[in-house]
Amino acid sequence: MMEYAVYVLKSLSYPKHYVGYTSNLISRFKSHNALGKKGYTIRYRPWVVIHVEFYNSKNEAMSREKFLKSGKGRKWMKNNIHDY
């Protein structure tokens, strides 16, 4: 069975956070810090992982990611993740 990770990144250069999910956490984290990657995260490198949760299904991970990106989810992260 495949395992999915929901993760929260913190930029070391800017006051920014990023929430995502993946089935390969190490590869995905490396891609966020890679020079050649395009997208939101390239502007705010370098990133560090400050929180990870694991789920047995893609749907669970997607649901949790969606929650963490909501207003209630951001409030939860502020109250429960030390470095947020």
Protein backbone atom coordinates (compact mmCIF):
# COMPACT_ATOMS: atom_id res chain seq x y z
CA MET A 1 0.00 0.00 0.00
CA MET A 2 1.29 3.46 -0.89
CA GLU A 3 1.70 6.04 1.86
CA TYR A 4 1.10 9.76 1.32
CA ALA A 5 2.68 12.62 3.24
CA VAL A 6 1.14 16.01 3.89
CA TYR A 7 3.92 18.47 4.62
CA VAL A 8 4.45 22.07 5.65
CA LEU A 9 7.51 23.95 4.47
CA LYS A 10 8.90 27.18 5.87
CA SER A 11 11.05 29.55 3.85
CA LEU A 12 14.34 30.50 5.50
CA SER A 13 14.53 33.71 3.44
CA TYR A 14 10.98 35.07 3.58
CA PRO A 15 7.98 34.89 5.94
CA LYS A 16 6.30 32.26 3.74
CA HIS A 17 4.90 28.76 4.23
CA TYR A 18 3.89 26.08 1.75
CA VAL A 19 1.54 23.13 2.26
CA GLY A 20 1.52 20.14 -0.08
CA TYR A 21 1.14 16.38 -0.31
CA THR A 22 3.18 13.69 -2.03
CA SER A 23 3.87 9.98 -2.21
CA ASN A 24 7.65 10.64 -2.22
CA LEU A 25 8.55 13.20 0.44
CA ILE A 26 12.32 13.26 -0.09
CA SER A 27 12.10 13.73 -3.84
CA ARG A 28 9.39 16.37 -3.52
CA PHE A 29 11.35 18.32 -0.90
CA LYS A 30 14.44 18.30 -3.11
CA SER A 31 12.37 19.60 -6.03
CA HIS A 32 11.15 22.56 -3.96
CA ASN A 33 14.76 23.63 -3.36
CA ALA A 34 16.07 22.79 -6.86
CA LEU A 35 17.39 25.56 -9.08
CA GLY A 36 15.56 24.47 -12.20
CA LYS A 37 12.08 24.12 -10.71
CA LYS A 38 9.44 26.63 -11.76
CA GLY A 39 6.47 27.64 -9.69
CA TYR A 40 5.58 29.29 -6.41
CA THR A 41 8.33 27.77 -4.26
CA ILE A 42 11.32 28.77 -6.41
CA ARG A 43 11.05 32.43 -5.36
CA TYR A 44 11.27 31.72 -1.65
CA ARG A 45 14.08 29.15 -1.42
CA PRO A 46 15.58 27.69 0.67
CA TRP A 47 12.81 25.71 2.35
CA VAL A 48 12.84 23.50 5.44
CA VAL A 49 10.24 20.92 6.45
CA ILE A 50 8.55 21.93 9.72
CA HIS A 51 5.69 19.41 9.86
CA VAL A 52 4.75 16.07 8.26
CA GLU A 53 1.68 13.82 8.60
CA PHE A 54 1.28 10.42 6.92
CA TYR A 55 -1.91 8.96 5.42
CA ASN A 56 -2.79 5.61 3.85
CA SER A 57 -4.84 7.07 1.01
CA LYS A 58 -4.42 9.86 -1.50
CA ASN A 59 -7.93 11.12 -0.72
CA GLU A 60 -7.12 11.49 2.99
CA ALA A 61 -3.93 13.37 2.18
CA MET A 62 -5.69 15.66 -0.31
CA SER A 63 -8.43 16.40 2.22
CA ARG A 64 -5.92 17.26 4.95
CA GLU A 65 -3.92 19.46 2.56
CA LYS A 66 -7.10 21.33 1.62
CA PHE A 67 -7.95 21.83 5.30
CA LEU A 68 -4.46 23.12 6.16
CA LYS A 69 -4.72 25.67 3.34
CA SER A 70 -8.04 26.99 4.74
CA GLY A 71 -8.43 29.71 7.35
CA LYS A 72 -9.16 27.15 10.08
CA GLY A 73 -6.18 25.09 8.92
CA ARG A 74 -3.80 28.06 9.09
CA LYS A 75 -5.08 28.77 12.59
CA TRP A 76 -4.50 25.10 13.52
CA MET A 77 -0.93 25.29 12.19
CA LYS A 78 -0.23 28.50 14.11
CA ASN A 79 -1.44 26.86 17.34
CA ASN A 80 0.12 23.40 16.83
CA ILE A 81 3.32 23.72 14.79
CA HIS A 82 6.19 25.21 16.77
CA ASP A 83 8.03 26.93 13.89
CA TYR A 84 4.96 28.13 11.99
